[in-house]
Amino acid sequence: QVQMVESGGGLVQAGGSRRLSCAASGGTVSSNGIGWFRQAAGKDREFVAAISWSGESTYYGDPAAGRFTISRDNAKNTVYLQMNSLKVEDTAAYYCGVKVFGSYYFATSYDYWGQGTQVTVSS
């Protein structure tokens, strides 16, 4: 069974950058879209960005627009989220999942979620 593992989180100052990685093991996800969502304490999971299986199509939520870039390397079975100009409100646990059906924008379209990686942005 496919397992997704996120990495790259940590503490960063406001205005800084961070690159998150989402690596698949136990199988290939080269035929699936992959999405990044985030969840801040006490809030619902929020769509951040997604990418089609080929990488030709990308989708961004409001928090990411103009600041974040999603990409993938199918040879490495890995998806990346480059986050620039980070804000305190970007503080959250970031999760990646495999799109199994439906819309890229909804968490219910995804399965095989990773355990998440925490990003904390300080002022």
N, C-alpha and C. Protein backbone atom coordinates (compact mmCIF):
# COMPACT_ATOMS: atom_id res chain seq x y z
N GLN A 1 0.84 -1.19 0.00
CA GLN A 1 0.00 0.00 0.00
C GLN A 1 0.88 1.24 0.00
N VAL A 2 0.43 2.24 -0.74
CA VAL A 2 1.20 3.47 -0.83
C VAL A 2 1.18 4.20 0.50
N GLN A 3 2.32 4.72 0.89
CA GLN A 3 2.43 5.58 2.06
C GLN A 3 3.08 6.88 1.64
N MET A 4 2.53 7.97 2.13
CA MET A 4 3.08 9.29 1.81
C MET A 4 3.78 9.83 3.06
N VAL A 5 4.94 10.40 2.87
CA VAL A 5 5.72 10.93 3.98
C VAL A 5 6.11 12.36 3.66
N GLU A 6 5.63 13.28 4.50
CA GLU A 6 5.97 14.69 4.34
C GLU A 6 7.23 15.02 5.14
N SER A 7 7.97 15.98 4.64
CA SER A 7 9.16 16.45 5.36
C SER A 7 9.44 17.90 4.95
N GLY A 8 10.31 18.53 5.70
CA GLY A 8 10.73 19.88 5.36
C GLY A 8 10.15 20.96 6.24
N GLY A 9 9.26 20.59 7.14
CA GLY A 9 8.69 21.59 8.03
C GLY A 9 9.70 22.08 9.04
N GLY A 10 9.31 23.09 9.80
CA GLY A 10 10.19 23.63 10.82
C GLY A 10 9.78 25.04 11.16
N LEU A 11 10.66 25.71 11.86
CA LEU A 11 10.43 27.09 12.29
C LEU A 11 11.10 28.03 11.31
N VAL A 12 10.35 29.02 10.85
CA VAL A 12 10.87 29.98 9.89
C VAL A 12 10.33 31.36 10.25
N GLN A 13 11.12 32.37 9.98
CA GLN A 13 10.67 33.74 10.25
C GLN A 13 9.74 34.23 9.15
N ALA A 14 8.86 35.12 9.51
CA ALA A 14 7.97 35.73 8.52
C ALA A 14 8.79 36.36 7.40
N GLY A 15 8.34 36.13 6.17
CA GLY A 15 9.06 36.60 5.00
C GLY A 15 10.02 35.58 4.43
N GLY A 16 10.27 34.53 5.18
CA GLY A 16 11.21 33.51 4.75
C GLY A 16 10.57 32.49 3.82
N SER A 17 11.34 31.45 3.49
CA SER A 17 10.91 30.41 2.56
C SER A 17 11.12 29.04 3.18
N ARG A 18 10.40 28.10 2.63
CA ARG A 18 10.53 26.71 3.07
C ARG A 18 10.09 25.83 1.91
N ARG A 19 10.77 24.70 1.74
CA ARG A 19 10.33 23.74 0.74
C ARG A 19 9.92 22.44 1.42
N LEU A 20 8.69 22.05 1.19
CA LEU A 20 8.20 20.80 1.72
C LEU A 20 8.29 19.71 0.66
N SER A 21 8.52 18.50 1.12
CA SER A 21 8.56 17.35 0.23
C SER A 21 7.51 16.34 0.65
N CYS A 22 6.99 15.64 -0.32
CA CYS A 22 6.02 14.58 -0.09
C CYS A 22 6.48 13.38 -0.91
N ALA A 23 6.99 12.38 -0.23
CA ALA A 23 7.55 11.22 -0.91
C ALA A 23 6.65 10.01 -0.74
N ALA A 24 6.46 9.27 -1.82
CA ALA A 24 5.64 8.07 -1.80
C ALA A 24 6.52 6.84 -1.67
N SER A 25 6.06 5.91 -0.87
CA SER A 25 6.75 4.63 -0.75
C SER A 25 5.73 3.51 -0.80
N GLY A 26 6.17 2.31 -1.14
CA GLY A 26 5.28 1.18 -1.19
C GLY A 26 4.47 1.10 -2.46
N GLY A 27 4.76 1.98 -3.41
CA GLY A 27 4.04 1.98 -4.67
C GLY A 27 4.30 3.28 -5.41
N THR A 28 3.82 3.37 -6.61
CA THR A 28 4.02 4.58 -7.40
C THR A 28 2.76 5.43 -7.43
N VAL A 29 2.95 6.72 -7.47
CA VAL A 29 1.83 7.64 -7.58
C VAL A 29 1.95 8.46 -8.85
N SER A 30 2.74 7.97 -9.79
CA SER A 30 3.00 8.74 -11.01
C SER A 30 1.75 8.90 -11.87
N SER A 31 0.71 8.12 -11.60
CA SER A 31 -0.53 8.23 -12.37
C SER A 31 -1.61 9.01 -11.63
N ASN A 32 -1.25 9.56 -10.49
CA ASN A 32 -2.25 10.25 -9.65
C ASN A 32 -1.90 11.72 -9.43
N GLY A 33 -2.94 12.50 -9.31
CA GLY A 33 -2.73 13.85 -8.82
C GLY A 33 -2.38 13.80 -7.35
N ILE A 34 -1.64 14.79 -6.90
CA ILE A 34 -1.24 14.90 -5.50
C ILE A 34 -1.62 16.28 -4.99
N GLY A 35 -2.11 16.33 -3.79
CA GLY A 35 -2.52 17.61 -3.21
C GLY A 35 -1.86 17.88 -1.89
N TRP A 36 -1.70 19.16 -1.61
CA TRP A 36 -1.23 19.62 -0.30
C TRP A 36 -2.40 20.35 0.38
N PHE A 37 -2.61 19.99 1.62
CA PHE A 37 -3.59 20.67 2.45
C PHE A 37 -2.88 21.07 3.75
N ARG A 38 -3.50 21.98 4.47
CA ARG A 38 -2.93 22.35 5.76
C ARG A 38 -4.05 22.47 6.79
N GLN A 39 -3.65 22.30 8.03
CA GLN A 39 -4.61 22.40 9.11
C GLN A 39 -3.98 23.12 10.29
N ALA A 40 -4.51 24.28 10.59
CA ALA A 40 -4.07 25.03 11.75
C ALA A 40 -4.85 24.56 12.97
N ALA A 41 -4.30 24.81 14.12
CA ALA A 41 -4.93 24.38 15.36
C ALA A 41 -6.35 24.93 15.46
N GLY A 42 -7.30 24.03 15.69
CA GLY A 42 -8.68 24.43 15.87
C GLY A 42 -9.42 24.77 14.60
N LYS A 43 -8.79 24.53 13.45
CA LYS A 43 -9.44 24.87 12.18
C LYS A 43 -9.58 23.64 11.29
N ASP A 44 -10.40 23.76 10.27
CA ASP A 44 -10.59 22.66 9.32
C ASP A 44 -9.39 22.55 8.38
N ARG A 45 -9.27 21.38 7.77
CA ARG A 45 -8.21 21.19 6.78
C ARG A 45 -8.51 22.07 5.57
N GLU A 46 -7.48 22.73 5.06
CA GLU A 46 -7.64 23.75 4.01
C GLU A 46 -6.81 23.39 2.79
N PHE A 47 -7.39 23.52 1.62
CA PHE A 47 -6.67 23.23 0.38
C PHE A 47 -5.57 24.26 0.15
N VAL A 48 -4.38 23.78 -0.20
CA VAL A 48 -3.25 24.67 -0.48
C VAL A 48 -2.89 24.63 -1.97
N ALA A 49 -2.59 23.43 -2.47
CA ALA A 49 -2.17 23.31 -3.87
C ALA A 49 -2.28 21.86 -4.29
N ALA A 50 -2.37 21.64 -5.60
CA ALA A 50 -2.40 20.28 -6.14
C ALA A 50 -1.76 20.28 -7.52
N ILE A 51 -1.38 19.09 -7.94
CA ILE A 51 -0.72 18.95 -9.22
C ILE A 51 -1.20 17.67 -9.90
N SER A 52 -1.39 17.74 -11.20
CA SER A 52 -1.85 16.57 -11.94
C SER A 52 -0.74 15.54 -12.04
N TRP A 53 -1.10 14.36 -12.52
CA TRP A 53 -0.12 13.27 -12.57
C TRP A 53 1.08 13.61 -13.45
N SER A 54 0.85 14.37 -14.50
CA SER A 54 1.94 14.71 -15.42
C SER A 54 2.71 15.94 -14.98
N GLY A 55 2.11 16.70 -14.08
CA GLY A 55 2.72 17.96 -13.67
C GLY A 55 2.33 19.12 -14.56
N GLU A 56 1.55 18.85 -15.59
CA GLU A 56 1.21 19.92 -16.53
C GLU A 56 0.15 20.86 -15.98
N SER A 57 -0.65 20.37 -15.05
CA SER A 57 -1.70 21.21 -14.47
C SER A 57 -1.47 21.38 -12.98
N THR A 58 -1.58 22.61 -12.53
CA THR A 58 -1.44 22.90 -11.11
C THR A 58 -2.64 23.71 -10.65
N TYR A 59 -2.94 23.60 -9.37
CA TYR A 59 -4.11 24.24 -8.80
C TYR A 59 -3.70 24.84 -7.46
N TYR A 60 -4.18 26.02 -7.17
CA TYR A 60 -3.79 26.69 -5.95
C TYR A 60 -5.00 27.24 -5.21
N GLY A 61 -4.95 27.12 -3.91
CA GLY A 61 -5.95 27.73 -3.07
C GLY A 61 -5.57 29.17 -2.76
N ASP A 62 -6.50 29.89 -2.18
CA ASP A 62 -6.26 31.30 -1.88
C ASP A 62 -5.00 31.54 -1.04
N PRO A 63 -4.71 30.68 -0.05
CA PRO A 63 -3.52 30.95 0.78
C PRO A 63 -2.21 30.89 -0.01
N ALA A 64 -2.22 30.12 -1.10
CA ALA A 64 -0.98 29.86 -1.82
C ALA A 64 -0.75 30.79 -3.00
N ALA A 65 -1.81 31.37 -3.48
CA ALA A 65 -1.73 32.11 -4.74
C ALA A 65 -0.64 33.17 -4.71
N GLY A 66 0.26 33.05 -5.68
CA GLY A 66 1.32 34.02 -5.84
C GLY A 66 2.52 33.82 -4.94
N ARG A 67 2.43 32.91 -3.97
CA ARG A 67 3.54 32.72 -3.03
C ARG A 67 4.09 31.30 -3.04
N PHE A 68 3.25 30.32 -3.31
CA PHE A 68 3.65 28.93 -3.25
C PHE A 68 3.70 28.35 -4.66
N THR A 69 4.57 27.37 -4.84
CA THR A 69 4.68 26.66 -6.11
C THR A 69 4.75 25.17 -5.86
N ILE A 70 3.89 24.42 -6.54
CA ILE A 70 3.91 22.97 -6.42
C ILE A 70 4.58 22.38 -7.65
N SER A 71 5.33 21.32 -7.44
CA SER A 71 6.01 20.65 -8.56
C SER A 71 6.15 19.18 -8.20
N ARG A 72 6.54 18.38 -9.18
CA ARG A 72 6.71 16.96 -8.89
C ARG A 72 7.84 16.38 -9.72
N ASP A 73 8.43 15.31 -9.19
CA ASP A 73 9.45 14.55 -9.89
C ASP A 73 9.01 13.10 -9.84
N ASN A 74 8.40 12.63 -10.89
CA ASN A 74 7.86 11.28 -10.89
C ASN A 74 8.96 10.21 -10.81
N ALA A 75 10.12 10.53 -11.29
CA ALA A 75 11.24 9.58 -11.18
C ALA A 75 11.59 9.32 -9.72
N LYS A 76 11.36 10.32 -8.89
CA LYS A 76 11.65 10.20 -7.45
C LYS A 76 10.39 9.95 -6.64
N ASN A 77 9.25 9.87 -7.32
CA ASN A 77 7.98 9.64 -6.61
C ASN A 77 7.76 10.70 -5.53
N THR A 78 8.09 11.93 -5.85
CA THR A 78 8.07 13.01 -4.86
C THR A 78 7.41 14.26 -5.43
N VAL A 79 6.64 14.91 -4.56
CA VAL A 79 6.01 16.18 -4.88
C VAL A 79 6.55 17.23 -3.91
N TYR A 80 6.75 18.42 -4.42
CA TYR A 80 7.33 19.50 -3.62
C TYR A 80 6.36 20.67 -3.51
N LEU A 81 6.49 21.38 -2.40
CA LEU A 81 5.75 22.63 -2.23
C LEU A 81 6.75 23.69 -1.79
N GLN A 82 7.07 24.59 -2.70
CA GLN A 82 7.95 25.70 -2.39
C GLN A 82 7.12 26.85 -1.86
N MET A 83 7.42 27.26 -0.65
CA MET A 83 6.64 28.32 -0.01
C MET A 83 7.54 29.54 0.21
N ASN A 84 7.16 30.64 -0.36
CA ASN A 84 7.91 31.88 -0.23
C ASN A 84 7.07 32.95 0.47
N SER A 85 7.72 33.98 0.94
CA SER A 85 7.03 35.10 1.60
C SER A 85 6.07 34.60 2.68
N LEU A 86 6.57 33.73 3.51
CA LEU A 86 5.71 33.11 4.52
C LEU A 86 5.18 34.13 5.52
N LYS A 87 3.97 33.88 5.97
CA LYS A 87 3.29 34.74 6.93
C LYS A 87 3.00 33.94 8.20
N VAL A 88 2.77 34.67 9.27
CA VAL A 88 2.43 33.99 10.53
C VAL A 88 1.21 33.10 10.35
N GLU A 89 0.26 33.55 9.56
CA GLU A 89 -0.97 32.79 9.34
C GLU A 89 -0.77 31.53 8.51
N ASP A 90 0.42 31.31 7.98
CA ASP A 90 0.73 30.06 7.29
C ASP A 90 1.10 28.95 8.27
N THR A 91 1.19 29.29 9.53
CA THR A 91 1.50 28.29 10.55
C THR A 91 0.43 27.22 10.58
N ALA A 92 0.85 25.96 10.39
CA ALA A 92 -0.10 24.85 10.32
C ALA A 92 0.68 23.57 10.12
N ALA A 93 -0.03 22.46 10.28
CA ALA A 93 0.49 21.16 9.86
C ALA A 93 0.13 20.98 8.39
N TYR A 94 1.10 20.62 7.58
CA TYR A 94 0.89 20.47 6.14
C TYR A 94 0.87 18.98 5.79
N TYR A 95 -0.15 18.59 5.05
CA TYR A 95 -0.36 17.20 4.69
C TYR A 95 -0.42 17.05 3.17
N CYS A 96 0.07 15.92 2.69
CA CYS A 96 -0.12 15.60 1.28
C CYS A 96 -0.96 14.33 1.18
N GLY A 97 -1.69 14.25 0.09
CA GLY A 97 -2.55 13.09 -0.13
C GLY A 97 -2.59 12.76 -1.61
N VAL A 98 -3.02 11.57 -1.91
CA VAL A 98 -3.14 11.08 -3.28
C VAL A 98 -4.59 11.25 -3.74
N LYS A 99 -4.76 11.93 -4.85
CA LYS A 99 -6.11 12.13 -5.39
C LYS A 99 -6.60 10.84 -6.00
N VAL A 100 -7.74 10.37 -5.52
CA VAL A 100 -8.28 9.09 -6.01
C VAL A 100 -9.55 9.26 -6.83
N PHE A 101 -10.22 10.41 -6.69
CA PHE A 101 -11.39 10.70 -7.51
C PHE A 101 -11.76 12.15 -7.30
N GLY A 102 -12.69 12.66 -8.08
CA GLY A 102 -13.31 13.95 -7.82
C GLY A 102 -12.42 15.16 -8.03
N SER A 103 -12.80 16.23 -7.32
CA SER A 103 -12.15 17.52 -7.50
C SER A 103 -10.82 17.62 -6.76
N TYR A 104 -9.90 18.35 -7.34
CA TYR A 104 -8.61 18.59 -6.70
C TYR A 104 -8.76 19.41 -5.42
N TYR A 105 -9.83 20.17 -5.31
CA TYR A 105 -9.94 21.18 -4.25
C TYR A 105 -10.49 20.66 -2.93
N PHE A 106 -11.01 19.44 -2.92
CA PHE A 106 -11.66 18.94 -1.72
C PHE A 106 -10.87 17.79 -1.10
N ALA A 107 -10.71 17.84 0.21
CA ALA A 107 -9.95 16.81 0.92
C ALA A 107 -10.58 15.43 0.77
N THR A 108 -11.88 15.39 0.57
CA THR A 108 -12.56 14.10 0.42
C THR A 108 -12.18 13.37 -0.87
N SER A 109 -11.51 14.06 -1.79
CA SER A 109 -11.07 13.43 -3.04
C SER A 109 -9.78 12.66 -2.88
N TYR A 110 -9.17 12.75 -1.71
CA TYR A 110 -7.83 12.21 -1.49
C TYR A 110 -7.82 11.06 -0.50
N ASP A 111 -6.82 10.23 -0.65
CA ASP A 111 -6.58 9.13 0.27
C ASP A 111 -5.08 9.04 0.51
N TYR A 112 -4.66 8.08 1.34
CA TYR A 112 -3.25 7.81 1.63
C TYR A 112 -2.54 9.07 2.13
N TRP A 113 -3.18 9.71 3.09
CA TRP A 113 -2.60 10.90 3.68
C TRP A 113 -1.33 10.56 4.45
N GLY A 114 -0.37 11.49 4.43
CA GLY A 114 0.80 11.34 5.28
C GLY A 114 0.49 11.82 6.69
N GLN A 115 1.50 11.77 7.55
CA GLN A 115 1.34 12.17 8.94
C GLN A 115 1.45 13.67 9.13
N GLY A 116 1.90 14.37 8.11
CA GLY A 116 1.99 15.82 8.19
C GLY A 116 3.36 16.30 8.64
N THR A 117 3.65 17.53 8.28
CA THR A 117 4.87 18.19 8.74
C THR A 117 4.48 19.59 9.20
N GLN A 118 4.96 19.96 10.38
CA GLN A 118 4.57 21.22 10.99
C GLN A 118 5.42 22.37 10.46
N VAL A 119 4.75 23.42 10.06
CA VAL A 119 5.43 24.66 9.68
C VAL A 119 4.99 25.73 10.66
N THR A 120 5.94 26.35 11.30
CA THR A 120 5.65 27.43 12.23
C THR A 120 6.37 28.68 11.77
N VAL A 121 5.59 29.73 11.55
CA VAL A 121 6.15 30.99 11.08
C VAL A 121 6.11 31.99 12.22
N SER A 122 7.26 32.51 12.58
CA SER A 122 7.35 33.47 13.69
C SER A 122 7.43 34.90 13.16
N SER A 123 6.91 35.81 13.97
CA SER A 123 6.91 37.23 13.55
C SER A 123 8.20 37.92 13.91
